[in-house]
Amino acid sequence: MALRWSLVMNTIQRSSFVLVICLVCAAAGPSYQAPVRSGQERRRWADPPEQRTAVQPSTAPDPQELKRDAEELAQLSQTVPAEVEGMSRGLVSSRLNDRLKRIEKLSKKLRDALARSNR
């Protein structure tokens, strides 16, 4: 019986040692965190060099659209002085605010297109 008891104790000691080792490894594992990258960086890093695209998609603005926007901007801006003069005589145009907002939007669009083409 003493022999059986010592065999049981040895088995318990070994299994508890293995359990402690497993717990230490499990606790140490999650402490390492890889650097976080954006999805595009991860994809670029994962692609083999021969599969990467050498040419970036063109974000160049459409010249015809820019010309139409510039013409609309010029046309809208020509109407503003007359409407402002009318304000001094007491005539308030309800569309002046809308026109000024449209002028802002078109000028921002043209500025952004210019900045993109200069890159």
N, C-alpha and C. Protein backbone atom coordinates (compact mmCIF):
# COMPACT_ATOMS: atom_id res chain seq x y z
N MET A 1 0.80 -1.18 0.00
CA MET A 1 0.00 0.00 0.00
C MET A 1 0.86 1.26 0.00
N ALA A 2 1.97 1.20 0.70
CA ALA A 2 2.88 2.34 0.73
C ALA A 2 3.44 2.59 -0.66
N LEU A 3 3.66 1.52 -1.41
CA LEU A 3 4.17 1.65 -2.76
C LEU A 3 3.14 2.33 -3.65
N ARG A 4 1.89 1.97 -3.49
CA ARG A 4 0.83 2.60 -4.28
C ARG A 4 0.71 4.08 -3.92
N TRP A 5 0.81 4.36 -2.63
CA TRP A 5 0.69 5.74 -2.17
C TRP A 5 1.80 6.60 -2.75
N SER A 6 3.00 6.12 -2.77
CA SER A 6 4.13 6.89 -3.32
C SER A 6 3.97 7.07 -4.84
N LEU A 7 3.42 6.06 -5.51
CA LEU A 7 3.16 6.16 -6.94
C LEU A 7 2.11 7.25 -7.23
N VAL A 8 1.07 7.31 -6.41
CA VAL A 8 0.03 8.33 -6.55
C VAL A 8 0.61 9.71 -6.29
N MET A 9 1.44 9.84 -5.29
CA MET A 9 2.04 11.13 -4.95
C MET A 9 2.97 11.61 -6.08
N ASN A 10 3.76 10.71 -6.63
CA ASN A 10 4.65 11.07 -7.75
C ASN A 10 3.83 11.56 -8.95
N THR A 11 2.73 10.87 -9.24
CA THR A 11 1.87 11.26 -10.36
C THR A 11 1.26 12.65 -10.13
N ILE A 12 0.83 12.91 -8.91
CA ILE A 12 0.24 14.21 -8.57
C ILE A 12 1.30 15.30 -8.69
N GLN A 13 2.51 15.04 -8.23
CA GLN A 13 3.58 16.03 -8.31
C GLN A 13 3.92 16.36 -9.76
N ARG A 14 4.03 15.33 -10.59
CA ARG A 14 4.34 15.54 -12.00
C ARG A 14 3.23 16.33 -12.70
N SER A 15 1.99 15.91 -12.45
CA SER A 15 0.88 16.58 -13.13
C SER A 15 0.72 18.02 -12.64
N SER A 16 0.98 18.28 -11.36
CA SER A 16 0.89 19.65 -10.88
C SER A 16 2.04 20.50 -11.44
N PHE A 17 3.22 19.89 -11.62
CA PHE A 17 4.34 20.60 -12.23
C PHE A 17 3.99 20.97 -13.68
N VAL A 18 3.43 20.04 -14.43
CA VAL A 18 3.03 20.29 -15.81
C VAL A 18 1.95 21.37 -15.86
N LEU A 19 1.02 21.32 -14.91
CA LEU A 19 -0.05 22.32 -14.85
C LEU A 19 0.52 23.71 -14.58
N VAL A 20 1.48 23.83 -13.69
CA VAL A 20 2.10 25.11 -13.38
C VAL A 20 2.84 25.65 -14.61
N ILE A 21 3.56 24.79 -15.31
CA ILE A 21 4.28 25.20 -16.52
C ILE A 21 3.28 25.71 -17.56
N CYS A 22 2.17 25.00 -17.75
CA CYS A 22 1.15 25.42 -18.72
C CYS A 22 0.54 26.76 -18.35
N LEU A 23 0.28 26.97 -17.07
CA LEU A 23 -0.29 28.24 -16.63
C LEU A 23 0.69 29.40 -16.84
N VAL A 24 1.95 29.16 -16.57
CA VAL A 24 2.95 30.21 -16.77
C VAL A 24 3.06 30.57 -18.25
N CYS A 25 3.06 29.57 -19.11
CA CYS A 25 3.13 29.82 -20.55
C CYS A 25 1.88 30.54 -21.05
N ALA A 26 0.73 30.14 -20.55
CA ALA A 26 -0.51 30.77 -20.97
C ALA A 26 -0.57 32.23 -20.51
N ALA A 27 -0.06 32.51 -19.34
CA ALA A 27 -0.08 33.88 -18.83
C ALA A 27 0.94 34.75 -19.57
N ALA A 28 2.04 34.17 -19.98
CA ALA A 28 3.08 34.95 -20.66
C ALA A 28 2.74 35.18 -22.12
N GLY A 29 1.98 34.34 -22.73
CA GLY A 29 1.66 34.45 -24.16
C GLY A 29 0.94 35.72 -24.54
N PRO A 30 -0.18 36.10 -23.93
CA PRO A 30 -0.92 37.28 -24.35
C PRO A 30 -0.22 38.60 -24.08
N SER A 31 0.87 38.61 -23.33
CA SER A 31 1.53 39.88 -23.03
C SER A 31 2.24 40.46 -24.24
N TYR A 32 2.56 39.66 -25.24
CA TYR A 32 3.20 40.18 -26.45
C TYR A 32 2.13 40.66 -27.40
N GLN A 33 2.28 41.89 -27.87
CA GLN A 33 1.36 42.44 -28.85
C GLN A 33 2.15 42.98 -30.02
N ALA A 34 1.80 42.54 -31.21
CA ALA A 34 2.48 43.01 -32.42
C ALA A 34 2.06 44.44 -32.69
N PRO A 35 2.90 45.20 -33.39
CA PRO A 35 2.52 46.57 -33.73
C PRO A 35 1.27 46.58 -34.61
N VAL A 36 0.42 47.55 -34.34
CA VAL A 36 -0.83 47.65 -35.08
C VAL A 36 -0.58 48.43 -36.36
N ARG A 37 -1.04 47.89 -37.47
CA ARG A 37 -0.89 48.56 -38.76
C ARG A 37 -2.25 48.70 -39.40
N SER A 38 -2.34 49.64 -40.30
CA SER A 38 -3.60 49.80 -41.02
C SER A 38 -3.77 48.62 -41.97
N GLY A 39 -5.00 48.42 -42.41
CA GLY A 39 -5.30 47.30 -43.29
C GLY A 39 -4.51 47.37 -44.59
N GLN A 40 -4.34 48.58 -45.12
CA GLN A 40 -3.62 48.73 -46.39
C GLN A 40 -2.15 48.36 -46.21
N GLU A 41 -1.55 48.76 -45.09
CA GLU A 41 -0.15 48.42 -44.85
C GLU A 41 0.02 46.91 -44.72
N ARG A 42 -0.93 46.27 -44.01
CA ARG A 42 -0.85 44.83 -43.86
C ARG A 42 -0.94 44.14 -45.21
N ARG A 43 -1.87 44.58 -46.05
CA ARG A 43 -2.03 43.97 -47.36
C ARG A 43 -0.78 44.17 -48.21
N ARG A 44 -0.21 45.37 -48.16
CA ARG A 44 0.99 45.66 -48.94
C ARG A 44 2.15 44.81 -48.47
N TRP A 45 2.27 44.63 -47.15
CA TRP A 45 3.35 43.83 -46.59
C TRP A 45 3.16 42.37 -46.96
N ALA A 46 1.93 41.89 -47.00
CA ALA A 46 1.66 40.49 -47.26
C ALA A 46 1.80 40.13 -48.73
N ASP A 47 1.65 41.07 -49.63
CA ASP A 47 1.75 40.78 -51.05
C ASP A 47 3.20 40.55 -51.44
N PRO A 48 3.47 39.52 -52.21
CA PRO A 48 4.83 39.36 -52.74
C PRO A 48 5.14 40.52 -53.68
N PRO A 49 6.40 40.90 -53.81
CA PRO A 49 6.76 42.07 -54.62
C PRO A 49 6.26 42.00 -56.06
N GLU A 50 6.22 40.81 -56.66
CA GLU A 50 5.81 40.73 -58.05
C GLU A 50 4.32 40.94 -58.23
N GLN A 51 3.53 40.87 -57.15
CA GLN A 51 2.10 41.05 -57.26
C GLN A 51 1.67 42.47 -56.91
N ARG A 52 2.56 43.26 -56.43
CA ARG A 52 2.21 44.66 -56.12
C ARG A 52 2.03 45.44 -57.41
N THR A 53 1.10 46.34 -57.38
CA THR A 53 0.89 47.17 -58.56
C THR A 53 1.86 48.34 -58.52
N ALA A 54 2.54 48.54 -59.63
CA ALA A 54 3.53 49.61 -59.70
C ALA A 54 2.87 50.95 -59.99
N VAL A 55 1.73 50.92 -60.67
CA VAL A 55 1.07 52.16 -61.07
C VAL A 55 -0.09 52.42 -60.11
N GLN A 56 -0.09 53.58 -59.53
CA GLN A 56 -1.17 53.98 -58.63
C GLN A 56 -2.36 54.41 -59.47
N PRO A 57 -3.58 54.14 -59.00
CA PRO A 57 -4.74 54.60 -59.76
C PRO A 57 -4.75 56.11 -59.87
N SER A 58 -5.16 56.58 -61.00
CA SER A 58 -5.14 58.02 -61.27
C SER A 58 -6.25 58.73 -60.52
N THR A 59 -5.88 59.74 -59.78
CA THR A 59 -6.87 60.58 -59.11
C THR A 59 -6.90 61.95 -59.75
N ALA A 60 -6.40 62.01 -60.99
CA ALA A 60 -6.39 63.28 -61.70
C ALA A 60 -7.82 63.71 -62.00
N PRO A 61 -8.12 64.98 -61.80
CA PRO A 61 -9.48 65.46 -62.05
C PRO A 61 -9.79 65.48 -63.54
N ASP A 62 -11.06 65.35 -63.85
CA ASP A 62 -11.52 65.38 -65.24
C ASP A 62 -11.44 66.82 -65.75
N PRO A 63 -10.65 67.08 -66.80
CA PRO A 63 -10.49 68.46 -67.29
C PRO A 63 -11.80 69.09 -67.77
N GLN A 64 -12.66 68.30 -68.38
CA GLN A 64 -13.93 68.86 -68.87
C GLN A 64 -14.83 69.27 -67.70
N GLU A 65 -14.83 68.45 -66.66
CA GLU A 65 -15.64 68.80 -65.48
C GLU A 65 -15.09 70.05 -64.81
N LEU A 66 -13.77 70.15 -64.73
CA LEU A 66 -13.16 71.35 -64.13
C LEU A 66 -13.49 72.60 -64.95
N LYS A 67 -13.49 72.45 -66.27
CA LYS A 67 -13.82 73.60 -67.12
C LYS A 67 -15.26 74.03 -66.90
N ARG A 68 -16.19 73.06 -66.82
CA ARG A 68 -17.60 73.40 -66.56
C ARG A 68 -17.75 74.09 -65.21
N ASP A 69 -17.04 73.56 -64.19
CA ASP A 69 -17.12 74.17 -62.86
C ASP A 69 -16.56 75.59 -62.87
N ALA A 70 -15.46 75.80 -63.58
CA ALA A 70 -14.86 77.13 -63.66
C ALA A 70 -15.79 78.11 -64.37
N GLU A 71 -16.45 77.64 -65.44
CA GLU A 71 -17.39 78.51 -66.15
C GLU A 71 -18.60 78.85 -65.28
N GLU A 72 -19.09 77.87 -64.54
CA GLU A 72 -20.22 78.13 -63.63
C GLU A 72 -19.80 79.10 -62.54
N LEU A 73 -18.60 78.92 -62.02
CA LEU A 73 -18.08 79.82 -60.98
C LEU A 73 -17.99 81.25 -61.51
N ALA A 74 -17.48 81.41 -62.73
CA ALA A 74 -17.37 82.75 -63.33
C ALA A 74 -18.75 83.37 -63.53
N GLN A 75 -19.69 82.57 -63.99
CA GLN A 75 -21.04 83.08 -64.23
C GLN A 75 -21.71 83.51 -62.92
N LEU A 76 -21.57 82.67 -61.88
CA LEU A 76 -22.17 83.03 -60.60
C LEU A 76 -21.52 84.28 -60.00
N SER A 77 -20.21 84.37 -60.12
CA SER A 77 -19.51 85.51 -59.53
C SER A 77 -19.83 86.82 -60.24
N GLN A 78 -20.23 86.77 -61.50
CA GLN A 78 -20.60 87.99 -62.22
C GLN A 78 -21.93 88.55 -61.72
N THR A 79 -22.80 87.71 -61.18
CA THR A 79 -24.10 88.19 -60.72
C THR A 79 -24.05 88.79 -59.32
N VAL A 80 -23.01 88.48 -58.58
CA VAL A 80 -22.95 88.92 -57.17
C VAL A 80 -22.87 90.43 -57.03
N PRO A 81 -22.02 91.15 -57.76
CA PRO A 81 -21.94 92.61 -57.54
C PRO A 81 -23.28 93.33 -57.76
N ALA A 82 -24.04 92.91 -58.75
CA ALA A 82 -25.34 93.56 -59.00
C ALA A 82 -26.30 93.30 -57.84
N GLU A 83 -26.26 92.10 -57.31
CA GLU A 83 -27.15 91.78 -56.19
C GLU A 83 -26.73 92.49 -54.91
N VAL A 84 -25.45 92.65 -54.71
CA VAL A 84 -24.97 93.39 -53.53
C VAL A 84 -25.35 94.86 -53.66
N GLU A 85 -25.27 95.40 -54.86
CA GLU A 85 -25.68 96.78 -55.09
C GLU A 85 -27.18 96.94 -54.84
N GLY A 86 -27.94 95.94 -55.25
CA GLY A 86 -29.38 95.96 -54.99
C GLY A 86 -29.68 95.95 -53.50
N MET A 87 -28.83 95.30 -52.71
CA MET A 87 -29.02 95.28 -51.26
C MET A 87 -28.89 96.69 -50.69
N SER A 88 -27.99 97.49 -51.25
CA SER A 88 -27.80 98.84 -50.74
C SER A 88 -29.03 99.71 -51.02
N ARG A 89 -29.82 99.33 -52.02
CA ARG A 89 -31.06 100.06 -52.33
C ARG A 89 -32.27 99.45 -51.64
N GLY A 90 -32.02 98.39 -50.83
CA GLY A 90 -33.12 97.79 -50.09
C GLY A 90 -33.71 96.55 -50.76
N LEU A 91 -33.17 96.13 -51.88
CA LEU A 91 -33.65 94.92 -52.57
C LEU A 91 -32.79 93.74 -52.12
N VAL A 92 -33.42 92.79 -51.49
CA VAL A 92 -32.69 91.62 -51.00
C VAL A 92 -33.06 90.42 -51.85
N SER A 93 -32.06 89.81 -52.46
CA SER A 93 -32.28 88.62 -53.28
C SER A 93 -32.28 87.39 -52.37
N SER A 94 -33.31 86.60 -52.50
CA SER A 94 -33.38 85.38 -51.68
C SER A 94 -32.40 84.32 -52.17
N ARG A 95 -31.92 84.44 -53.39
CA ARG A 95 -31.02 83.44 -53.94
C ARG A 95 -29.54 83.81 -53.77
N LEU A 96 -29.25 85.01 -53.25
CA LEU A 96 -27.86 85.44 -53.11
C LEU A 96 -27.09 84.50 -52.18
N ASN A 97 -27.69 84.13 -51.06
CA ASN A 97 -27.01 83.24 -50.11
C ASN A 97 -26.71 81.89 -50.77
N ASP A 98 -27.68 81.35 -51.53
CA ASP A 98 -27.46 80.07 -52.22
C ASP A 98 -26.35 80.18 -53.25
N ARG A 99 -26.32 81.29 -53.96
CA ARG A 99 -25.28 81.49 -54.97
C ARG A 99 -23.89 81.59 -54.32
N LEU A 100 -23.82 82.31 -53.20
CA LEU A 100 -22.53 82.44 -52.51
C LEU A 100 -22.05 81.08 -51.98
N LYS A 101 -22.97 80.28 -51.49
CA LYS A 101 -22.59 78.94 -51.03
C LYS A 101 -22.09 78.09 -52.19
N ARG A 102 -22.76 78.19 -53.33
CA ARG A 102 -22.34 77.43 -54.51
C ARG A 102 -20.97 77.90 -54.99
N ILE A 103 -20.73 79.22 -54.91
CA ILE A 103 -19.41 79.75 -55.28
C ILE A 103 -18.34 79.16 -54.37
N GLU A 104 -18.61 79.10 -53.07
CA GLU A 104 -17.66 78.51 -52.12
C GLU A 104 -17.37 77.05 -52.47
N LYS A 105 -18.44 76.31 -52.74
CA LYS A 105 -18.29 74.88 -53.03
C LYS A 105 -17.47 74.66 -54.31
N LEU A 106 -17.76 75.43 -55.35
CA LEU A 106 -17.01 75.28 -56.60
C LEU A 106 -15.56 75.69 -56.44
N SER A 107 -15.31 76.77 -55.71
CA SER A 107 -13.91 77.20 -55.54
C SER A 107 -13.11 76.19 -54.72
N LYS A 108 -13.75 75.60 -53.71
CA LYS A 108 -13.07 74.57 -52.92
C LYS A 108 -12.76 73.36 -53.80
N LYS A 109 -13.70 72.97 -54.62
CA LYS A 109 -13.50 71.83 -55.52
C LYS A 109 -12.34 72.09 -56.48
N LEU A 110 -12.28 73.29 -57.03
CA LEU A 110 -11.19 73.63 -57.95
C LEU A 110 -9.85 73.71 -57.23
N ARG A 111 -9.83 74.26 -56.02
CA ARG A 111 -8.58 74.31 -55.24
C ARG A 111 -8.08 72.91 -54.92
N ASP A 112 -8.99 72.01 -54.52
CA ASP A 112 -8.60 70.63 -54.21
C ASP A 112 -8.05 69.92 -55.45
N ALA A 113 -8.69 70.15 -56.60
CA ALA A 113 -8.21 69.53 -57.84
C ALA A 113 -6.82 70.07 -58.18
N LEU A 114 -6.60 71.34 -57.97
CA LEU A 114 -5.28 71.92 -58.23
C LEU A 114 -4.23 71.33 -57.29
N ALA A 115 -4.59 71.17 -56.03
CA ALA A 115 -3.64 70.60 -55.06
C ALA A 115 -3.30 69.15 -55.42
N ARG A 116 -4.30 68.37 -55.85
CA ARG A 116 -4.06 66.98 -56.24
C ARG A 116 -3.17 66.90 -57.48
N SER A 117 -3.35 67.80 -58.40
CA SER A 117 -2.55 67.74 -59.63
C SER A 117 -1.12 68.19 -59.40
N ASN A 118 -0.86 68.96 -58.33
CA ASN A 118 0.49 69.42 -58.02
C ASN A 118 1.30 68.41 -57.22
N ARG A 119 0.70 67.35 -56.77
CA ARG A 119 1.42 66.35 -55.97
C ARG A 119 2.33 65.52 -56.80
